[in-house]
Amino acid sequence: MLMGFKVKNFRSFKELQHFSMLSGKVRNNENHIIEKNKHKILKFSGMFGANGSGKSNLILAISIGQTLISKGINTLINNQYYRGVEDLKDKDSYFEYELALNDKLYSYGFEINIYKREIVSEWLIDMTKTKEKIIFERDLKHNTYKSDIKDKKHSNFINCLDEMKRNTQNLFLSEMTRRLVMAMNNDIFFKDIFSVYKFMMQDTIIIRPSTHKLFDIDYIKNKDKIIKILKALDINIVDFVTETDNMENIRAKLSDNNYNNLLHDIDVLSMRYPNIKCTLRIENDLYTIKKQKDNNYDVCSLKFLHENNNNSFGAYDESDGTIRVLELIDILLTNDKLFLIDELDSSLHPLLVEGLLKIFLKSKTTNQLIITTHELKTLDFDLIRRDEIWFAEKNQNGDSKIYSLEEFKDVARFDRKIDKAYLEGRFGAIANIDTSYEN
């Protein structure tokens, strides 16, 4: 689980910002808390703020680790440093993940020079005990590394660190995992490496309104659960059916790069779950895909049946809101994942947003959900906790800061209409509209 995240010199974040999923002293909605390693961690957090305030940049910042591991630093756009000050293009950008995984606490992070597309430093530290344990730490400026692991029988680990002390293009976490997978090495000694890699690559799910998405869940196999959820949300779908399709139809809807990325993602999921049937969303189309042993693909398009209607409907016949709910429903069907959803309210009615959150927060799932939203119906203490509400605000120089409603606990009383107080500007993070403008 994610306990916290720090970022500096990335997009609109100039100074170090610290986002936390640790609970405050709030006593309501205690079922929103999951206890790990004696830490109380929140299942949910919502980020509010004006358009252009930096909300989406937080999602991008958290997801950058996944980008570097899967695609490498050369794929980064090299102007994503804070550009409000000219000389910051030569300064390092900082990213740190505070994690609770498998009864341990970790700090994993890296510094990079975005303009030069170079890794500057990287570390993984076991923070479980009072005395921290350096699993690995490398400093690319000085071509050095540290590790509290001295066991000679794991010389491949130390050798890899030594070989990478000058490697500014690849993360050690990624390279070490690649070597272990190739060698089919399941030594428990490497559990720390595998745990953090798995969290970053397999258990962190990023959902944005404009992108296609592959889900490691079979919608047909889980259709009874899904239809029950849809009924609770007043969506009139009573059954799913499939229609044989092919990869060529999928390829026609994607760029070459996105199609190749899709094939790679299917391969990764298929190696992890040999018999998995994935679900793919492209715009308003839904497909199930299963990779066969002969490297061909079993592809079907999903069709839906409505009450009192014998016809089947393609996903493209459904509303954007219905497709959006089907895309988000994975948060209720899995466990131990982190979902980052930019613009949760995109295409969704306010009551649907509220209903989806209520079902998630009441569920027994151990998933975490971090959203950006403008939907004020979620600013309700009957629904969420004060420590689950965060704001993003940008100053006149374009520098974003993030802060929790917990900082306003004397103002944000539980008997107050919090959405009204927000619109009145009591917590900042709202647009300053000039209504005196005349055309």
Protein backbone atom coordinates (compact mmCIF):
# COMPACT_ATOMS: atom_id res chain seq x y z
CA MET A 1 0.00 0.00 0.00
CA LEU A 2 1.06 3.58 -0.59
CA MET A 3 1.68 5.46 2.66
CA GLY A 4 3.04 8.61 1.06
CA PHE A 5 4.72 10.19 -1.94
CA LYS A 6 7.17 13.07 -2.35
CA VAL A 7 7.95 15.05 -5.49
CA LYS A 8 10.09 18.07 -6.38
CA ASN A 9 10.91 19.96 -9.59
CA PHE A 10 8.37 18.20 -11.76
CA ARG A 11 5.90 20.03 -14.00
CA SER A 12 4.13 22.57 -11.74
CA PHE A 13 5.78 21.32 -8.53
CA LYS A 14 8.78 23.51 -7.78
CA GLU A 15 9.34 22.86 -4.07
CA LEU A 16 9.18 19.47 -2.36
CA GLN A 17 5.56 18.35 -1.92
CA HIS A 18 4.51 15.53 0.41
CA PHE A 19 1.26 13.66 -0.21
CA SER A 20 0.21 11.29 2.59
CA MET A 21 -2.22 8.38 2.82
CA LEU A 22 -1.70 7.99 6.57
CA SER A 23 -4.79 8.66 8.66
CA GLY A 24 -5.06 11.70 10.88
CA LYS A 25 -6.89 11.92 14.20
CA VAL A 26 -10.32 11.79 12.57
CA ARG A 27 -12.68 9.29 14.22
CA ASN A 28 -15.52 9.02 11.73
CA ASN A 29 -15.61 6.39 8.96
CA GLU A 30 -12.94 4.23 10.60
CA ASN A 31 -13.78 1.46 8.12
CA HIS A 32 -11.87 3.54 5.54
CA ILE A 33 -8.62 2.57 7.30
CA ILE A 34 -6.46 -0.50 6.70
CA GLU A 35 -3.80 -1.21 9.33
CA LYS A 36 -0.42 -2.33 8.05
CA ASN A 37 2.74 -2.67 10.14
CA LYS A 38 1.12 -0.67 12.97
CA HIS A 39 0.37 2.17 10.55
CA LYS A 40 -3.18 3.27 9.79
CA ILE A 41 -3.42 3.75 6.03
CA LEU A 42 -6.35 5.27 4.16
CA LYS A 43 -8.15 3.46 1.35
CA PHE A 44 -9.15 6.69 -0.38
CA SER A 45 -7.99 10.20 -1.14
CA GLY A 46 -9.60 12.88 -3.31
CA MET A 47 -7.67 15.81 -4.79
CA PHE A 48 -9.66 19.02 -5.42
CA GLY A 49 -8.63 22.30 -7.04
CA ALA A 50 -9.23 24.69 -9.88
CA ASN A 51 -8.50 23.77 -13.50
CA GLY A 52 -4.75 23.93 -14.06
CA SER A 53 -3.96 23.84 -10.34
CA GLY A 54 -1.72 20.76 -10.54
CA LYS A 55 -4.13 17.95 -9.59
CA SER A 56 -3.36 15.86 -12.66
CA ASN A 57 0.36 16.53 -12.21
CA LEU A 58 0.27 14.59 -8.94
CA ILE A 59 -1.14 11.55 -10.77
CA LEU A 60 1.56 11.95 -13.44
CA ALA A 61 4.25 12.26 -10.78
CA ILE A 62 3.19 9.08 -8.95
CA SER A 63 3.00 7.20 -12.26
CA ILE A 64 6.46 8.27 -13.45
CA GLY A 65 8.14 5.34 -11.69
CA GLN A 66 6.08 2.93 -13.77
CA THR A 67 7.05 4.85 -16.92
CA LEU A 68 10.79 4.69 -16.14
CA ILE A 69 10.69 0.99 -15.28
CA SER A 70 8.69 -0.08 -18.33
CA LYS A 71 9.88 2.35 -21.01
CA GLY A 72 13.16 3.85 -19.79
CA ILE A 73 14.21 7.42 -19.14
CA ASN A 74 14.77 8.23 -22.81
CA THR A 75 11.01 8.15 -23.37
CA LEU A 76 10.47 11.11 -21.03
CA ILE A 77 9.65 14.47 -22.56
CA ASN A 78 12.68 16.47 -21.48
CA ASN A 79 10.88 19.70 -20.50
CA GLN A 80 8.82 18.26 -17.64
CA TYR A 81 10.87 20.01 -14.95
CA TYR A 82 9.41 23.13 -13.27
CA ARG A 83 9.69 25.83 -15.92
CA GLY A 84 8.74 28.87 -13.84
CA VAL A 85 12.45 29.38 -13.12
CA GLU A 86 14.91 29.05 -16.01
CA ASP A 87 17.83 27.46 -14.16
CA LEU A 88 15.74 24.57 -12.77
CA LYS A 89 16.22 22.62 -15.99
CA ASP A 90 19.72 21.86 -14.70
CA LYS A 91 18.46 20.82 -11.25
CA ASP A 92 17.51 17.31 -10.22
CA SER A 93 13.90 16.17 -9.86
CA TYR A 94 12.98 14.07 -6.82
CA PHE A 95 10.48 11.19 -6.50
CA GLU A 96 10.00 9.02 -3.40
CA TYR A 97 7.43 6.32 -2.59
CA GLU A 98 6.68 5.35 1.02
CA LEU A 99 5.29 1.80 0.92
CA ALA A 100 3.82 -0.87 3.21
CA LEU A 101 4.27 -4.23 1.49
CA ASN A 102 4.31 -7.79 2.90
CA ASP A 103 4.68 -6.74 6.56
CA LYS A 104 7.54 -4.38 5.71
CA LEU A 105 7.93 -0.62 5.27
CA TYR A 106 10.02 0.70 2.39
CA SER A 107 11.30 3.94 0.97
CA TYR A 108 11.92 3.61 -2.76
CA GLY A 109 12.90 6.59 -4.84
CA PHE A 110 15.14 8.21 -7.40
CA GLU A 111 16.45 11.56 -8.54
CA ILE A 112 16.62 12.30 -12.25
CA ASN A 113 17.74 15.15 -14.46
CA ILE A 114 14.76 15.41 -16.77
CA TYR A 115 16.38 17.84 -19.23
CA LYS A 116 19.40 15.57 -19.73
CA ARG A 117 17.29 12.41 -19.37
CA GLU A 118 19.70 10.97 -16.80
CA ILE A 119 19.22 9.06 -13.56
CA VAL A 120 21.12 10.80 -10.76
CA SER A 121 20.47 8.50 -7.79
CA GLU A 122 18.25 5.58 -6.73
CA TRP A 123 17.57 3.85 -3.44
CA LEU A 124 15.52 1.15 -1.74
CA ILE A 125 15.57 1.21 2.07
CA ASP A 126 13.85 -1.15 4.49
CA MET A 127 12.28 1.15 7.11
CA THR A 128 10.53 -1.60 9.11
CA LYS A 129 12.79 -1.48 12.15
CA THR A 130 14.16 1.47 14.08
CA LYS A 131 17.51 0.98 12.38
CA GLU A 132 16.93 1.23 8.66
CA LYS A 133 18.47 -1.29 6.27
CA ILE A 134 19.90 -0.08 2.96
CA ILE A 135 18.95 -2.73 0.42
CA PHE A 136 20.64 -0.65 -2.25
CA GLU A 137 21.60 2.96 -2.78
CA ARG A 138 23.50 4.28 -5.78
CA ASP A 139 24.89 7.72 -6.52
CA LEU A 140 25.49 8.22 -10.25
CA LYS A 141 27.25 11.57 -9.78
CA HIS A 142 30.03 9.88 -7.84
CA ASN A 143 29.74 6.39 -9.42
CA THR A 144 29.26 4.78 -6.01
CA TYR A 145 26.81 2.41 -4.35
CA LYS A 146 25.95 1.19 -0.86
CA SER A 147 24.24 -1.90 0.45
CA ASP A 148 23.88 -3.49 3.87
CA ILE A 149 23.73 -6.84 2.08
CA LYS A 150 27.16 -8.45 2.32
CA ASP A 151 26.32 -12.12 1.79
CA LYS A 152 28.84 -13.52 -0.72
CA LYS A 153 26.41 -16.18 -1.98
CA HIS A 154 24.37 -13.37 -3.53
CA SER A 155 27.26 -11.97 -5.52
CA ASN A 156 24.97 -11.52 -8.56
CA PHE A 157 23.17 -8.77 -6.65
CA ILE A 158 26.40 -6.94 -5.74
CA ASN A 159 27.82 -7.47 -9.22
CA CYS A 160 24.73 -5.92 -10.78
CA LEU A 161 25.03 -2.91 -8.45
CA ASP A 162 28.68 -2.53 -9.36
CA GLU A 163 27.97 -2.78 -13.08
CA MET A 164 25.27 -0.12 -12.83
CA LYS A 165 27.12 2.46 -10.77
CA ARG A 166 27.74 4.39 -14.01
CA ASN A 167 24.45 3.51 -15.72
CA THR A 168 22.42 6.73 -15.92
CA GLN A 169 19.79 5.30 -18.28
CA ASN A 170 18.27 2.37 -16.38
CA LEU A 171 16.82 1.87 -12.92
CA PHE A 172 18.55 -0.80 -10.85
CA LEU A 173 15.13 -2.04 -9.65
CA SER A 174 14.18 -2.76 -13.25
CA GLU A 175 17.49 -4.32 -14.32
CA MET A 176 17.85 -6.53 -11.25
CA THR A 177 14.28 -7.81 -11.65
CA ARG A 178 14.91 -8.51 -15.35
CA ARG A 179 17.96 -10.61 -14.51
CA LEU A 180 16.12 -12.52 -11.79
CA VAL A 181 13.19 -13.30 -14.09
CA MET A 182 15.50 -14.47 -16.87
CA ALA A 183 17.35 -16.70 -14.42
CA MET A 184 14.03 -17.88 -12.91
CA ASN A 185 15.51 -16.97 -9.52
CA ASN A 186 12.84 -17.13 -6.79
CA ASP A 187 15.28 -16.83 -3.88
CA ILE A 188 13.42 -15.30 -0.92
CA PHE A 189 16.46 -13.07 -0.47
CA PHE A 190 15.17 -10.99 -3.37
CA LYS A 191 11.64 -10.61 -1.98
CA ASP A 192 12.22 -6.90 -1.28
CA ILE A 193 13.14 -6.28 -4.92
CA PHE A 194 10.21 -8.28 -6.26
CA SER A 195 7.70 -6.72 -3.84
CA VAL A 196 8.53 -3.15 -4.80
CA TYR A 197 8.74 -3.97 -8.52
CA LYS A 198 5.36 -5.73 -8.38
CA PHE A 199 3.77 -2.75 -6.64
CA MET A 200 5.17 -0.29 -9.16
CA MET A 201 4.43 -2.30 -12.30
CA GLN A 202 1.54 -4.66 -11.63
CA ASP A 203 -0.38 -3.27 -8.68
CA THR A 204 -0.43 0.42 -9.59
CA ILE A 205 -3.25 1.03 -12.07
CA ILE A 206 -3.50 4.40 -13.83
CA ILE A 207 -6.80 5.33 -15.48
CA ARG A 208 -7.14 8.51 -17.52
CA PRO A 209 -10.19 9.53 -19.58
CA SER A 210 -8.35 9.66 -22.90
CA THR A 211 -6.34 6.43 -22.87
CA HIS A 212 -7.06 2.83 -23.73
CA LYS A 213 -6.66 0.41 -20.85
CA LEU A 214 -5.98 -3.29 -20.38
CA PHE A 215 -7.42 -4.90 -17.25
CA ASP A 216 -6.19 -8.16 -15.75
CA ILE A 217 -9.72 -9.34 -15.07
CA ASP A 218 -12.17 -11.44 -17.07
CA TYR A 219 -15.45 -9.53 -17.29
CA ILE A 220 -17.35 -12.59 -18.49
CA LYS A 221 -16.11 -14.75 -15.62
CA ASN A 222 -17.06 -11.99 -13.16
CA LYS A 223 -20.24 -10.86 -14.89
CA ASP A 224 -22.58 -11.82 -12.03
CA LYS A 225 -20.68 -9.54 -9.65
CA ILE A 226 -20.46 -6.80 -12.26
CA ILE A 227 -24.18 -6.91 -13.12
CA LYS A 228 -25.01 -6.72 -9.41
CA ILE A 229 -22.89 -3.56 -9.10
CA LEU A 230 -24.43 -2.06 -12.27
CA LYS A 231 -27.90 -2.69 -10.89
CA ALA A 232 -26.97 -0.92 -7.64
CA LEU A 233 -25.84 2.06 -9.76
CA ASP A 234 -29.12 2.01 -11.75
CA ILE A 235 -27.47 0.99 -15.02
CA ASN A 236 -29.79 -1.12 -17.16
CA ILE A 237 -27.52 -4.01 -18.22
CA VAL A 238 -28.74 -7.49 -17.31
CA ASP A 239 -26.26 -9.74 -19.13
CA PHE A 240 -23.00 -9.88 -21.13
CA VAL A 241 -22.43 -11.90 -24.27
CA THR A 242 -19.39 -12.18 -26.53
CA GLU A 243 -18.94 -12.03 -30.28
CA THR A 244 -15.84 -13.42 -32.00
CA ASP A 245 -13.45 -10.69 -33.14
CA ASN A 246 -9.78 -10.39 -34.11
CA MET A 247 -6.61 -8.45 -33.34
CA GLU A 248 -6.66 -6.69 -36.71
CA ASN A 249 -9.76 -4.74 -35.66
CA ILE A 250 -7.98 -3.72 -32.47
CA ARG A 251 -4.81 -2.80 -34.36
CA ALA A 252 -6.79 -0.51 -36.68
CA LYS A 253 -7.84 1.60 -33.68
CA LEU A 254 -4.36 2.10 -32.21
CA SER A 255 -1.12 3.70 -33.31
CA ASP A 256 1.80 1.33 -34.00
CA ASN A 257 3.44 2.37 -30.73
CA ASN A 258 0.28 1.87 -28.65
CA TYR A 259 -0.42 -1.46 -30.34
CA ASN A 260 3.10 -2.72 -29.58
CA ASN A 261 2.71 -1.54 -25.97
CA LEU A 262 -0.57 -3.45 -25.78
CA LEU A 263 1.07 -6.67 -27.01
CA HIS A 264 3.83 -6.21 -24.43
CA ASP A 265 1.28 -5.71 -21.63
CA ILE A 266 -0.63 -8.83 -22.71
CA ASP A 267 2.62 -10.81 -22.66
CA VAL A 268 3.43 -9.60 -19.14
CA LEU A 269 -0.03 -10.51 -17.84
CA SER A 270 0.04 -13.87 -19.62
CA MET A 271 3.36 -14.77 -18.02
CA ARG A 272 2.00 -13.86 -14.60
CA TYR A 273 -1.40 -15.52 -15.12
CA PRO A 274 -1.05 -18.22 -17.85
CA ASN A 275 -4.79 -18.69 -18.40
CA ILE A 276 -5.92 -15.10 -17.98
CA LYS A 277 -8.52 -13.54 -20.22
CA CYS A 278 -7.88 -9.77 -20.14
CA THR A 279 -10.41 -7.03 -20.81
CA LEU A 280 -9.43 -4.14 -23.09
CA ARG A 281 -11.14 -0.79 -23.41
CA ILE A 282 -10.50 1.39 -26.49
CA GLU A 283 -12.67 4.49 -26.55
CA ASN A 284 -16.20 3.03 -26.43
CA ASP A 285 -15.30 -0.54 -27.34
CA LEU A 286 -14.67 -3.42 -24.93
CA TYR A 287 -12.85 -6.65 -25.81
CA THR A 288 -11.72 -9.79 -24.05
CA ILE A 289 -8.29 -11.11 -25.09
CA LYS A 290 -6.55 -14.37 -24.26
CA LYS A 291 -3.10 -15.25 -25.56
CA GLN A 292 -2.91 -18.84 -26.78
CA LYS A 293 0.09 -21.19 -26.52
CA ASP A 294 0.73 -20.80 -30.25
CA ASN A 295 1.06 -17.01 -29.71
CA ASN A 296 -2.24 -16.33 -31.46
CA TYR A 297 -4.99 -14.43 -29.67
CA ASP A 298 -8.54 -15.40 -28.78
CA VAL A 299 -10.42 -12.08 -29.17
CA CYS A 300 -14.07 -11.31 -28.51
CA SER A 301 -15.99 -8.06 -28.42
CA LEU A 302 -18.36 -7.58 -25.49
CA LYS A 303 -22.07 -7.12 -26.14
CA PHE A 304 -24.74 -6.21 -23.61
CA LEU A 305 -28.35 -7.19 -23.03
CA HIS A 306 -30.86 -4.76 -21.55
CA GLU A 307 -34.00 -5.51 -19.60
CA ASN A 308 -37.11 -6.07 -21.78
CA ASN A 309 -35.02 -6.12 -24.98
CA ASN A 310 -33.81 -9.22 -26.80
CA ASN A 311 -31.24 -7.36 -28.91
CA SER A 312 -27.56 -7.24 -27.99
CA PHE A 313 -25.78 -3.90 -27.94
CA GLY A 314 -22.12 -3.14 -28.56
CA ALA A 315 -20.18 -1.06 -26.07
CA TYR A 316 -20.26 1.78 -28.62
CA ASP A 317 -24.08 1.80 -28.24
CA GLU A 318 -23.79 2.49 -24.52
CA SER A 319 -23.41 5.92 -22.99
CA ASP A 320 -19.99 7.32 -22.11
CA GLY A 321 -21.03 7.09 -18.45
CA THR A 322 -21.83 3.37 -18.68
CA ILE A 323 -18.50 2.62 -20.35
CA ARG A 324 -16.75 4.76 -17.75
CA VAL A 325 -18.34 2.73 -14.92
CA LEU A 326 -17.30 -0.53 -16.62
CA GLU A 327 -13.77 0.85 -16.83
CA LEU A 328 -13.74 1.74 -13.13
CA ILE A 329 -15.43 -1.38 -11.80
CA ASP A 330 -12.08 -3.14 -11.31
CA ILE A 331 -11.65 -1.17 -8.07
CA LEU A 332 -14.41 -3.33 -6.55
CA LEU A 333 -13.31 -6.71 -7.91
CA THR A 334 -9.64 -6.92 -6.90
CA ASN A 335 -7.43 -6.43 -3.82
CA ASP A 336 -4.11 -4.89 -2.83
CA LYS A 337 -3.90 -2.50 -5.78
CA LEU A 338 -3.46 1.25 -6.04
CA PHE A 339 -5.80 2.94 -8.50
CA LEU A 340 -4.92 6.43 -9.74
CA ILE A 341 -7.92 7.95 -11.52
CA ASP A 342 -7.64 11.35 -13.12
CA GLU A 343 -11.01 13.11 -13.43
CA LEU A 344 -13.17 10.44 -11.82
CA ASP A 345 -16.27 12.50 -12.64
CA SER A 346 -15.56 12.53 -16.40
CA SER A 347 -18.80 11.44 -18.16
CA LEU A 348 -20.42 10.49 -14.84
CA HIS A 349 -23.53 11.96 -13.23
CA PRO A 350 -22.80 13.40 -9.74
CA LEU A 351 -25.05 10.78 -8.10
CA LEU A 352 -23.17 8.04 -9.95
CA VAL A 353 -19.83 9.35 -8.65
CA GLU A 354 -21.23 9.45 -5.13
CA GLY A 355 -22.74 5.97 -5.45
CA LEU A 356 -19.54 4.43 -6.81
CA LEU A 357 -17.50 5.91 -3.96
CA LYS A 358 -20.02 4.75 -1.36
CA ILE A 359 -19.86 1.18 -2.65
CA PHE A 360 -16.05 1.27 -2.75
CA LEU A 361 -15.66 2.74 0.74
CA LYS A 362 -18.11 0.23 2.25
CA SER A 363 -16.51 -2.72 0.48
CA LYS A 364 -14.02 -5.08 2.08
CA THR A 365 -11.52 -4.62 -0.73
CA THR A 366 -7.98 -3.71 0.31
CA ASN A 367 -7.47 -1.54 -2.76
CA GLN A 368 -6.50 2.12 -2.51
CA LEU A 369 -8.11 4.77 -4.66
CA ILE A 370 -6.63 8.22 -5.37
CA ILE A 371 -8.73 10.51 -7.57
CA THR A 372 -8.77 14.01 -8.94
CA THR A 373 -12.22 15.53 -9.24
CA HIS A 374 -14.35 18.66 -9.35
CA GLU A 375 -17.43 16.86 -8.03
CA LEU A 376 -18.54 18.72 -4.91
CA LYS A 377 -21.01 16.02 -3.84
CA THR A 378 -17.99 14.06 -2.63
CA LEU A 379 -17.12 16.90 -0.21
CA ASP A 380 -19.39 15.42 2.42
CA PHE A 381 -18.31 14.22 5.85
CA ASP A 382 -21.03 11.58 5.77
CA LEU A 383 -19.18 10.08 2.79
CA ILE A 384 -15.48 10.71 3.37
CA ARG A 385 -13.10 11.73 6.15
CA ARG A 386 -11.41 15.08 6.59
CA ASP A 387 -7.96 13.50 6.16
CA GLU A 388 -9.04 12.03 2.81
CA ILE A 389 -9.56 15.49 1.29
CA TRP A 390 -6.60 17.19 -0.41
CA PHE A 391 -6.27 20.41 -2.38
CA ALA A 392 -3.96 21.60 -5.15
CA GLU A 393 -3.37 25.32 -5.59
CA LYS A 394 -1.13 27.21 -8.00
CA ASN A 395 0.36 30.64 -7.21
CA GLN A 396 0.99 33.50 -9.64
CA ASN A 397 4.35 32.01 -10.63
CA GLY A 398 2.71 28.76 -11.67
CA ASP A 399 4.09 26.86 -8.66
CA SER A 400 1.67 24.24 -7.26
CA LYS A 401 1.40 23.20 -3.66
CA ILE A 402 -0.75 20.40 -2.23
CA TYR A 403 -2.22 20.33 1.26
CA SER A 404 -4.74 18.38 3.30
CA LEU A 405 -8.02 19.58 4.79
CA GLU A 406 -6.53 18.38 8.08
CA GLU A 407 -4.63 21.68 8.11
CA PHE A 408 -8.02 23.40 8.52
CA LYS A 409 -9.42 21.14 11.24
CA ASP A 410 -10.48 24.15 13.36
CA VAL A 411 -12.48 25.51 10.40
CA ALA A 412 -13.57 22.23 8.77
CA ARG A 413 -15.88 21.09 11.54
CA PHE A 414 -17.99 17.99 11.09
CA ASP A 415 -21.19 20.05 11.41
CA ARG A 416 -20.19 22.35 8.54
CA LYS A 417 -21.31 22.09 4.91
CA ILE A 418 -17.83 21.50 3.62
CA ASP A 419 -18.69 21.95 -0.08
CA LYS A 420 -20.18 25.39 0.67
CA ALA A 421 -17.13 26.38 2.74
CA TYR A 422 -14.86 25.29 -0.12
CA LEU A 423 -16.74 27.39 -2.69
CA GLU A 424 -16.56 30.35 -0.32
CA GLY A 425 -12.77 30.08 -0.56
CA ARG A 426 -12.15 29.08 3.06
CA PHE A 427 -9.58 26.47 2.01
CA GLY A 428 -8.20 28.11 -1.14
CA ALA A 429 -7.71 25.99 -4.29
CA ILE A 430 -10.57 27.62 -6.24
CA ALA A 431 -10.64 29.61 -9.46
CA ASN A 432 -10.69 33.41 -9.20
CA ILE A 433 -13.26 34.33 -11.83
CA ASP A 434 -13.41 37.96 -12.97
CA THR A 435 -17.15 38.49 -13.47
CA SER A 436 -16.62 42.17 -14.35
CA TYR A 437 -15.17 41.20 -17.73
CA GLU A 438 -16.97 42.70 -20.72
CA ASN A 439 -16.49 41.74 -24.34
